[in-house]
Protein backbone atom coordinates (compact mmCIF):
# COMPACT_ATOMS: atom_id res chain seq x y z
CA UNK A 1 0.00 0.00 0.00
CA UNK A 2 2.83 2.39 0.82
CA UNK A 3 4.48 1.76 -2.55
CA UNK A 4 1.23 2.44 -4.37
CA UNK A 5 0.71 5.72 -2.52
CA UNK A 6 4.29 6.78 -3.22
CA UNK A 7 3.88 5.93 -6.89
CA UNK A 8 0.66 7.92 -7.18
CA UNK A 9 2.25 10.88 -5.41
CA UNK A 10 5.27 10.69 -7.72
CA UNK A 11 3.34 10.49 -10.97
CA UNK A 12 0.98 13.24 -9.84
CA UNK A 13 3.81 15.75 -9.39
CA UNK A 14 5.15 15.43 -12.94
CA UNK A 15 1.76 14.51 -14.41
CA UNK A 16 -0.23 17.63 -13.57
CA UNK A 17 1.49 19.75 -16.24
CA UNK A 18 0.77 17.21 -18.98
CA UNK A 19 -2.72 16.66 -17.62
CA UNK A 20 -3.53 20.30 -18.27
CA UNK A 21 -2.81 19.93 -21.99
CA UNK A 22 -4.31 16.46 -22.16
CA UNK A 23 -7.54 17.51 -20.47
CA UNK A 24 -7.84 20.55 -22.73
CA UNK A 25 -7.48 18.41 -25.84
CA UNK A 26 -10.17 16.06 -24.59
CA UNK A 27 -12.27 18.90 -23.17
CA UNK A 28 -12.10 17.52 -19.65
CA UNK A 29 -12.17 19.75 -16.64
CA UNK A 30 -9.19 19.77 -14.33
CA UNK A 31 -11.09 18.29 -11.43
CA UNK A 32 -10.16 15.25 -9.39
CA UNK A 33 -12.43 13.23 -11.65
CA UNK A 34 -10.88 14.82 -14.73
CA UNK A 35 -7.36 14.13 -13.54
CA UNK A 36 -8.36 10.55 -12.74
CA UNK A 37 -9.80 10.03 -16.21
CA UNK A 38 -6.74 11.60 -17.83
CA UNK A 39 -4.45 9.42 -15.77
CA UNK A 40 -6.31 6.29 -16.90
CA UNK A 41 -6.15 7.39 -20.53
CA UNK A 42 -2.42 8.07 -20.32
CA UNK A 43 -1.64 4.67 -18.82
CA UNK A 44 -3.50 2.77 -21.55
């Protein structure tokens, strides 16, 4: 569980900048739900 939390914290820090562009392209709002959806889309 600790590793998973650390990983999420790590990817969030460098992910937020890309998420802004990604969400704009896909017309998603930068909300927690939007960031979650963007994160899923990036991983796939």
